[in-house]
């Protein structure tokens, strides 16, 4: 198995004694991202005011093209970038027309914090009526969610593509997209835990669903680079808006009304730090130079995951063998972490962290994430540490 550790030399050398198995949470950054960050700074001081000519003339379009290529989107102009997905979430929901009643939203009880918290707060204020479909039992979730989606009169359907706690994958985006319409039901997919974690092809549904993700996790680019794919026919005039949404060809619905661009830039806010976009492009460039696709990375990670799970099953990883594996290996796409559910997950995480073995925990689920910078020796070292400590 090829080793890609040299691509992460700076990050790995920063703490040589660490076993970092949180690649699903804060993925270590390849060296190329530091070069990109320096380039952003250099452009800022050399070009000064003219740096925005380069950002919007070269860097931003390159990022749109990179993400569109990754997701099978035919038109890169359906992509807008923002410092984080929460900003985009707020702008998106602000665009839904006022019906004189709370927004009817179908979602799940397993959403990531950005929507979980904001949705709950909107519900407190009476602006949103939330219906949450339980994620468990996992094996029937897809059918149960689609049944609820088809049965209700929803304004917005919002769910994760890959669930951040369990690692389970929702596999029926096509069926969900069939329910979408510009004037009635919007389908919004949180793809943060699927983007560059599994191959994602939105070509068949690009004109009917919103998809949001970013650079922080599997894209290896760090924070500051959230994005939203927004079909042209949907959400034309976000109420929460910034002056960057005026850059481009404006389309105003009537004389004197606030105008918006026809593309996804209608979701832009104000001035932003473009460093994350530079880093995102650098990682895409690095993958191209290495001849790596997301499918190639998944193949490597799956092999290492099987190695870890075999050790757990054989009792060579301590008490991890007592845990329930929420996302066992199968034939379809899967999250790039292993979810171990056990009542002592919180204590296990702390014990491992005290020994500089980095995992993370969500409630009673310990998550061990595997990334491009891992090899067989790392997995064996992790299992040996678990055998010794747990």
Protein backbone atom coordinates (compact mmCIF):
# COMPACT_ATOMS: atom_id res chain seq x y z
CA UNK A 1 0.00 0.00 0.00
CA UNK A 2 1.40 3.38 -1.03
CA UNK A 3 2.31 5.78 1.73
CA UNK A 4 1.35 9.44 1.45
CA UNK A 5 2.98 10.52 4.70
CA UNK A 6 5.56 12.72 2.90
CA UNK A 7 2.68 14.94 1.74
CA UNK A 8 1.91 15.69 5.40
CA UNK A 9 5.49 16.05 6.64
CA UNK A 10 4.96 19.34 8.48
CA UNK A 11 1.78 18.26 10.27
CA UNK A 12 3.18 14.89 11.29
CA UNK A 13 6.46 16.39 12.49
CA UNK A 14 4.61 18.93 14.64
CA UNK A 15 3.84 16.16 17.16
CA UNK A 16 5.82 13.06 16.26
CA UNK A 17 4.48 11.05 19.21
CA UNK A 18 0.82 11.59 18.35
CA UNK A 19 -1.48 8.97 16.83
CA UNK A 20 -4.08 11.17 15.15
CA UNK A 21 -7.22 9.16 14.40
CA UNK A 22 -9.62 12.05 14.00
CA UNK A 23 -9.24 12.46 10.24
CA UNK A 24 -13.04 12.71 10.02
CA UNK A 25 -13.10 15.69 12.38
CA UNK A 26 -9.98 17.81 12.01
CA UNK A 27 -8.07 16.20 9.14
CA UNK A 28 -4.37 16.97 9.23
CA UNK A 29 -3.43 19.37 6.45
CA UNK A 30 -0.97 18.49 3.68
CA UNK A 31 2.10 20.69 3.26
CA UNK A 32 0.63 22.17 0.09
CA UNK A 33 -1.94 24.06 2.16
CA UNK A 34 0.77 26.04 3.94
CA UNK A 35 2.21 27.07 0.58
CA UNK A 36 -1.30 28.16 -0.46
CA UNK A 37 -1.78 30.15 2.74
CA UNK A 38 1.50 31.97 2.14
CA UNK A 39 0.44 32.64 -1.45
CA UNK A 40 -2.80 34.21 -0.24
CA UNK A 41 -0.86 36.49 2.10
CA UNK A 42 1.62 37.35 -0.63
CA UNK A 43 -1.17 38.23 -3.05
CA UNK A 44 -2.77 40.39 -0.37
CA UNK A 45 0.32 42.54 0.17
CA UNK A 46 1.56 42.61 -3.40
CA UNK A 47 -1.78 43.23 -5.09
CA UNK A 48 -3.43 45.11 -2.21
CA UNK A 49 -6.78 46.45 -3.45
CA UNK A 50 -6.35 44.54 -6.70
CA UNK A 51 -6.25 41.22 -4.85
CA UNK A 52 -10.02 40.89 -5.35
CA UNK A 53 -9.42 40.87 -9.10
CA UNK A 54 -7.38 37.72 -8.62
CA UNK A 55 -9.72 36.20 -6.03
CA UNK A 56 -12.84 36.58 -8.17
CA UNK A 57 -11.03 36.27 -11.48
CA UNK A 58 -8.94 33.16 -10.73
CA UNK A 59 -9.13 31.67 -7.23
CA UNK A 60 -12.89 31.63 -6.71
CA UNK A 61 -13.70 30.26 -10.20
CA UNK A 62 -11.04 27.57 -9.76
CA UNK A 63 -12.69 26.49 -6.51
CA UNK A 64 -16.10 26.43 -8.19
CA UNK A 65 -14.68 24.26 -10.99
CA UNK A 66 -12.95 21.93 -8.52
CA UNK A 67 -16.07 21.35 -6.44
CA UNK A 68 -18.32 21.06 -9.48
CA UNK A 69 -16.02 18.42 -10.93
CA UNK A 70 -15.98 16.50 -7.66
CA UNK A 71 -19.79 16.50 -7.37
CA UNK A 72 -20.72 16.02 -11.02
CA UNK A 73 -22.34 19.46 -11.27
CA UNK A 74 -22.65 20.64 -14.88
CA UNK A 75 -22.54 24.36 -14.04
CA UNK A 76 -19.92 25.68 -11.57
CA UNK A 77 -21.84 28.95 -11.22
CA UNK A 78 -24.39 27.16 -8.99
CA UNK A 79 -21.74 27.19 -6.23
CA UNK A 80 -21.28 29.94 -3.66
CA UNK A 81 -18.56 30.05 -0.96
CA UNK A 82 -18.75 31.46 2.54
CA UNK A 83 -16.66 31.30 5.73
CA UNK A 84 -18.89 28.48 7.03
CA UNK A 85 -22.01 26.53 6.15
CA UNK A 86 -24.01 28.13 8.96
CA UNK A 87 -23.93 31.49 7.20
CA UNK A 88 -25.16 29.82 4.02
CA UNK A 89 -27.85 27.95 5.95
CA UNK A 90 -29.23 31.19 7.39
CA UNK A 91 -29.23 32.92 4.02
CA UNK A 92 -30.89 29.92 2.37
CA UNK A 93 -33.75 29.72 4.86
CA UNK A 94 -34.21 33.49 4.67
CA UNK A 95 -35.04 33.07 0.98
CA UNK A 96 -38.12 30.91 1.54
CA UNK A 97 -41.24 33.00 0.86
CA UNK A 98 -43.30 34.07 3.86
CA UNK A 99 -46.44 31.91 4.03
CA UNK A 100 -47.84 33.63 7.13
CA UNK A 101 -47.20 30.54 9.24
CA UNK A 102 -44.24 28.61 10.63
CA UNK A 103 -42.04 26.93 8.03
CA UNK A 104 -42.87 23.20 7.90
CA UNK A 105 -39.56 21.32 7.97
CA UNK A 106 -38.92 17.59 7.85
CA UNK A 107 -35.55 16.54 9.23
CA UNK A 108 -33.93 13.87 11.44
CA UNK A 109 -32.76 13.49 15.01
CA UNK A 110 -29.19 13.00 13.80
CA UNK A 111 -28.29 16.32 12.19
CA UNK A 112 -24.99 18.10 12.74
CA UNK A 113 -24.93 21.00 15.18
CA UNK A 114 -25.19 23.82 12.62
CA UNK A 115 -28.76 22.89 11.69
CA UNK A 116 -29.68 21.09 14.93
CA UNK A 117 -29.15 24.21 17.03
CA UNK A 118 -30.37 26.82 14.55
CA UNK A 119 -33.47 24.80 13.69
CA UNK A 120 -34.31 24.34 17.37
CA UNK A 121 -33.92 28.09 17.98
CA UNK A 122 -36.17 28.98 15.05
CA UNK A 123 -38.73 26.50 16.40
CA UNK A 124 -38.56 28.21 19.81
CA UNK A 125 -39.50 31.49 18.15
CA UNK A 126 -42.38 29.91 16.27
CA UNK A 127 -40.79 30.49 12.88
CA UNK A 128 -40.39 26.78 12.14
CA UNK A 129 -42.34 23.61 12.85
CA UNK A 130 -39.83 20.75 12.99
CA UNK A 131 -40.67 17.10 12.41
CA UNK A 132 -37.74 14.82 13.21
CA UNK A 133 -37.55 11.26 11.87
CA UNK A 134 -35.49 9.04 14.20
CA UNK A 135 -32.31 7.70 12.62
CA UNK A 136 -32.70 4.41 14.46
CA UNK A 137 -33.33 1.69 13.61
CA UNK A 138 -30.68 2.40 10.99
CA UNK A 139 -31.56 -0.35 8.54
CA UNK A 140 -35.05 1.04 7.90
CA UNK A 141 -34.18 4.74 8.00
CA UNK A 142 -34.09 5.43 4.26
CA UNK A 143 -37.57 3.94 3.75
CA UNK A 144 -39.01 5.63 6.83
CA UNK A 145 -37.66 9.04 5.88
CA UNK A 146 -38.93 8.80 2.32
CA UNK A 147 -42.33 7.68 3.57
CA UNK A 148 -42.53 10.77 5.80
CA UNK A 149 -41.28 13.00 2.99
CA UNK A 150 -43.94 11.74 0.60
CA UNK A 151 -46.75 11.86 3.15
CA UNK A 152 -46.30 15.43 4.39
CA UNK A 153 -46.85 18.91 3.02
CA UNK A 154 -43.31 20.17 3.58
CA UNK A 155 -41.73 23.51 2.83
CA UNK A 156 -38.19 22.23 3.38
CA UNK A 157 -36.76 18.73 3.69
CA UNK A 158 -33.35 18.80 5.37
CA UNK A 159 -31.10 15.83 6.10
CA UNK A 160 -27.50 14.69 6.15
CA UNK A 161 -26.04 12.65 3.33
CA UNK A 162 -23.72 10.88 5.81
CA UNK A 163 -24.67 11.09 9.47
CA UNK A 164 -21.89 12.52 11.60
CA UNK A 165 -22.49 10.33 14.64
CA UNK A 166 -23.19 6.91 13.14
CA UNK A 167 -21.45 7.15 9.77
CA UNK A 168 -24.55 5.79 8.04
CA UNK A 169 -25.18 6.93 4.45
CA UNK A 170 -28.53 8.05 3.05
CA UNK A 171 -28.64 6.33 -0.31
CA UNK A 172 -31.79 7.64 -2.00
CA UNK A 173 -31.16 11.22 -3.00
CA UNK A 174 -32.81 10.62 -6.39
CA UNK A 175 -36.12 9.67 -4.75
CA UNK A 176 -35.93 12.68 -2.45
CA UNK A 177 -35.14 15.06 -5.30
CA UNK A 178 -38.30 13.91 -7.10
CA UNK A 179 -40.31 15.68 -4.38
CA UNK A 180 -38.64 19.07 -4.88
CA UNK A 181 -40.11 22.11 -6.59
CA UNK A 182 -39.02 25.78 -6.66
CA UNK A 183 -42.33 27.14 -5.35
CA UNK A 184 -43.23 24.48 -2.78
CA UNK A 185 -40.72 21.97 -1.37
CA UNK A 186 -36.99 22.58 -1.12
CA UNK A 187 -34.63 19.65 -0.48
CA UNK A 188 -31.44 20.58 1.36
CA UNK A 189 -28.68 18.01 1.85
CA UNK A 190 -25.91 18.50 4.41
CA UNK A 191 -22.97 16.93 2.64
CA UNK A 192 -20.19 17.92 5.03
CA UNK A 193 -19.51 14.30 6.00
CA UNK A 194 -19.75 12.97 2.45
CA UNK A 195 -17.84 15.60 0.46
CA UNK A 196 -14.51 14.01 -0.50
CA UNK A 197 -15.26 11.22 2.00
CA UNK A 198 -17.18 9.14 -0.52
CA UNK A 199 -17.67 9.59 -4.28
CA UNK A 200 -20.69 11.86 -4.77
CA UNK A 201 -22.40 12.34 -8.13
CA UNK A 202 -25.19 14.93 -8.15
CA UNK A 203 -25.49 15.11 -11.93
CA UNK A 204 -28.95 13.52 -11.94
CA UNK A 205 -30.37 15.80 -9.22
CA UNK A 206 -28.37 19.02 -9.63
CA UNK A 207 -31.41 21.04 -10.69
CA UNK A 208 -33.59 19.97 -7.74
CA UNK A 209 -31.53 19.85 -4.52
CA UNK A 210 -29.34 22.13 -2.45
CA UNK A 211 -26.06 20.63 -1.25
CA UNK A 212 -23.80 22.23 1.35
CA UNK A 213 -20.37 21.18 2.58
CA UNK A 214 -16.89 22.63 2.99
CA UNK A 215 -13.15 22.25 3.30
CA UNK A 216 -12.76 21.59 7.02
CA UNK A 217 -12.98 17.80 7.15
CA UNK A 218 -12.25 15.31 4.39
CA UNK A 219 -11.30 18.00 1.90
CA UNK A 220 -8.17 18.56 4.07
CA UNK A 221 -8.29 22.33 3.55
CA UNK A 222 -9.28 23.55 6.99
CA UNK A 223 -11.88 26.08 8.04
CA UNK A 224 -13.09 29.20 6.25
CA UNK A 225 -14.37 27.48 3.11
CA UNK A 226 -18.02 26.46 3.27
CA UNK A 227 -19.97 26.15 0.04
CA UNK A 228 -23.54 25.80 -1.18
CA UNK A 229 -24.79 24.34 -4.45
CA UNK A 230 -28.02 26.17 -5.25
CA UNK A 231 -30.13 25.29 -8.32
CA UNK A 232 -30.82 28.37 -10.42
CA UNK A 233 -34.62 28.13 -10.16
CA UNK A 234 -34.69 28.05 -6.36
CA UNK A 235 -34.24 30.66 -3.60
CA UNK A 236 -33.81 33.63 -5.88
CA UNK A 237 -33.77 36.41 -3.26
CA UNK A 238 -32.30 35.65 0.19
CA UNK A 239 -33.51 38.15 2.77
CA UNK A 240 -30.20 37.92 4.64
CA UNK A 241 -27.80 39.36 2.11
CA UNK A 242 -24.52 41.22 1.76
CA UNK A 243 -23.04 43.61 -0.72
CA UNK A 244 -20.95 40.94 -2.45
CA UNK A 245 -24.26 39.55 -3.75
CA UNK A 246 -24.40 42.63 -5.99
CA UNK A 247 -21.24 41.68 -7.88
CA UNK A 248 -22.23 40.46 -11.30
CA UNK A 249 -25.26 40.79 -13.55
CA UNK A 250 -28.15 41.88 -11.32
CA UNK A 251 -31.70 40.71 -11.82
CA UNK A 252 -34.28 42.83 -9.98
CA UNK A 253 -37.91 41.68 -9.83
CA UNK A 254 -39.25 45.22 -10.11
CA UNK A 255 -38.06 48.81 -10.41
CA UNK A 256 -36.31 49.92 -7.24
CA UNK A 257 -36.17 46.46 -5.67
CA UNK A 258 -32.96 44.96 -4.34
CA UNK A 259 -31.23 43.11 -7.15
CA UNK A 260 -29.43 39.77 -7.05
CA UNK A 261 -27.10 37.96 -9.41
CA UNK A 262 -28.57 35.15 -11.45
CA UNK A 263 -25.95 32.68 -10.22
CA UNK A 264 -25.19 31.31 -6.75
CA UNK A 265 -23.37 34.50 -5.81
CA UNK A 266 -26.81 35.70 -4.72
CA UNK A 267 -25.92 33.90 -1.46
CA UNK A 268 -22.75 35.88 -0.79
CA UNK A 269 -22.40 38.11 2.25
CA UNK A 270 -19.74 40.73 2.86
CA UNK A 271 -15.96 40.81 2.77
CA UNK A 272 -14.40 37.44 3.58
CA UNK A 273 -11.00 35.86 4.16
CA UNK A 274 -10.14 33.90 1.01
CA UNK A 275 -7.36 31.83 2.61
CA UNK A 276 -9.53 28.71 2.93
CA UNK A 277 -10.37 28.83 -0.77
CA UNK A 278 -6.67 29.03 -1.64
CA UNK A 279 -6.05 25.97 0.55
CA UNK A 280 -8.96 24.05 -0.98
CA UNK A 281 -7.59 24.60 -4.48
CA UNK A 282 -4.14 23.51 -3.32
CA UNK A 283 -5.50 20.17 -2.10
CA UNK A 284 -7.31 19.56 -5.38
CA UNK A 285 -4.10 20.40 -7.24
CA UNK A 286 -2.17 18.01 -4.99
CA UNK A 287 -4.59 15.17 -5.63
CA UNK A 288 -4.35 15.72 -9.38
CA UNK A 289 -0.56 15.72 -9.21
CA UNK A 290 -0.67 12.45 -7.27
CA UNK A 291 -3.27 10.92 -9.58
CA UNK A 292 -5.65 10.49 -6.64
CA UNK A 293 -9.43 10.53 -6.80
CA UNK A 294 -11.82 10.37 -3.87
CA UNK A 295 -12.51 6.75 -4.84
CA UNK A 296 -8.76 5.99 -4.59
CA UNK A 297 -8.59 7.48 -1.09
CA UNK A 298 -11.68 5.50 -0.07
CA UNK A 299 -10.07 2.28 -1.30
CA UNK A 300 -7.01 2.94 0.86
CA UNK A 301 -9.09 3.90 3.90
CA UNK A 302 -11.37 0.88 3.52
CA UNK A 303 -8.38 -1.47 3.54
CA UNK A 304 -7.07 0.13 6.73
CA UNK A 305 -10.55 0.06 8.28
CA UNK A 306 -10.79 -3.67 7.63
CA UNK A 307 -7.43 -4.10 9.28
CA UNK A 308 -8.65 -2.24 12.36
CA UNK A 309 -11.94 -4.10 12.51
CA UNK A 310 -10.18 -7.45 12.14
CA UNK A 311 -7.98 -6.58 15.11
CA UNK A 312 -11.03 -5.55 17.13
CA UNK A 313 -12.86 -8.77 16.26
CA UNK A 314 -9.80 -10.84 17.21
CA UNK A 315 -9.52 -9.16 20.61
CA UNK A 316 -6.31 -7.31 19.68
CA UNK A 317 -7.73 -3.84 20.44
CA UNK A 318 -8.70 -4.13 24.07
CA UNK A 319 -12.28 -3.49 25.06
CA UNK A 320 -13.20 -2.05 21.67
CA UNK A 321 -14.41 -5.59 20.97
CA UNK A 322 -17.24 -4.92 23.46
CA UNK A 323 -18.56 -2.00 21.41
CA UNK A 324 -21.36 -2.07 18.86
CA UNK A 325 -20.07 -1.11 15.40
CA UNK A 326 -22.67 1.31 14.06
CA UNK A 327 -21.32 1.38 10.50
CA UNK A 328 -19.92 -2.07 9.69
CA UNK A 329 -18.13 -2.69 6.41
CA UNK A 330 -20.47 -3.39 3.51
CA UNK A 331 -20.62 -3.19 -0.25
CA UNK A 332 -21.73 0.43 -0.56
CA UNK A 333 -20.18 3.80 0.30
CA UNK A 334 -19.35 4.42 3.93
CA UNK A 335 -18.04 7.13 6.20
CA UNK A 336 -14.29 7.31 6.67
CA UNK A 337 -14.51 6.58 10.39
CA UNK A 338 -15.52 3.61 12.52
CA UNK A 339 -18.27 4.33 15.05
CA UNK A 340 -17.91 2.32 18.28
CA UNK A 341 -20.97 2.60 20.56
CA UNK A 342 -20.36 1.74 24.20
CA UNK A 343 -21.50 3.19 27.55
CA UNK A 344 -17.87 4.00 28.40
CA UNK A 345 -17.09 5.78 25.13
CA UNK A 346 -16.49 9.11 26.87
CA UNK A 347 -14.01 7.55 29.30
CA UNK A 348 -12.27 5.65 26.52
CA UNK A 349 -11.77 8.83 24.54
CA UNK A 350 -10.22 10.59 27.52
CA UNK A 351 -7.93 7.64 28.31
CA UNK A 352 -6.70 7.53 24.73
CA UNK A 353 -6.28 11.30 24.54
CA UNK A 354 -4.20 11.29 27.73
CA UNK A 355 -1.82 8.95 25.89
CA UNK A 356 -1.79 11.27 22.82
CA UNK A 357 -4.02 8.92 20.82
CA UNK A 358 -6.57 11.28 19.27
CA UNK A 359 -10.12 10.12 18.58
CA UNK A 360 -13.38 11.89 19.28
CA UNK A 361 -16.69 11.04 20.91
CA UNK A 362 -20.33 11.91 20.33
CA UNK A 363 -22.49 10.91 23.30
CA UNK A 364 -21.85 7.18 23.68
CA UNK A 365 -20.08 6.77 20.33
CA UNK A 366 -16.28 6.75 20.01
CA UNK A 367 -15.21 7.59 16.46
CA UNK A 368 -11.86 6.54 15.00
CA UNK A 369 -11.20 8.24 11.67
CA UNK A 370 -8.70 7.07 9.07
CA UNK A 371 -7.17 9.36 6.48
CA UNK A 372 -4.66 9.58 3.67
CA UNK A 373 -1.77 10.07 6.10
CA UNK A 374 -2.30 6.69 7.81
CA UNK A 375 -0.69 3.36 6.98
CA UNK A 376 -0.76 -0.18 8.36
CA UNK A 377 1.75 0.63 11.08
CA UNK A 378 -0.47 3.46 12.36
CA UNK A 379 -3.50 1.17 12.56
CA UNK A 380 -1.47 -1.48 14.37
CA UNK A 381 -0.15 1.15 16.80
CA UNK A 382 -3.69 2.36 17.48
CA UNK A 383 -4.91 -1.16 18.20
CA UNK A 384 -1.93 -1.84 20.44
CA UNK A 385 -2.66 1.36 22.37
CA UNK A 386 -6.30 0.34 22.78
CA UNK A 387 -5.19 -3.11 23.95
CA UNK A 388 -2.89 -1.56 26.52
CA UNK A 389 -5.13 1.27 27.73
CA UNK A 390 -8.74 0.12 27.47
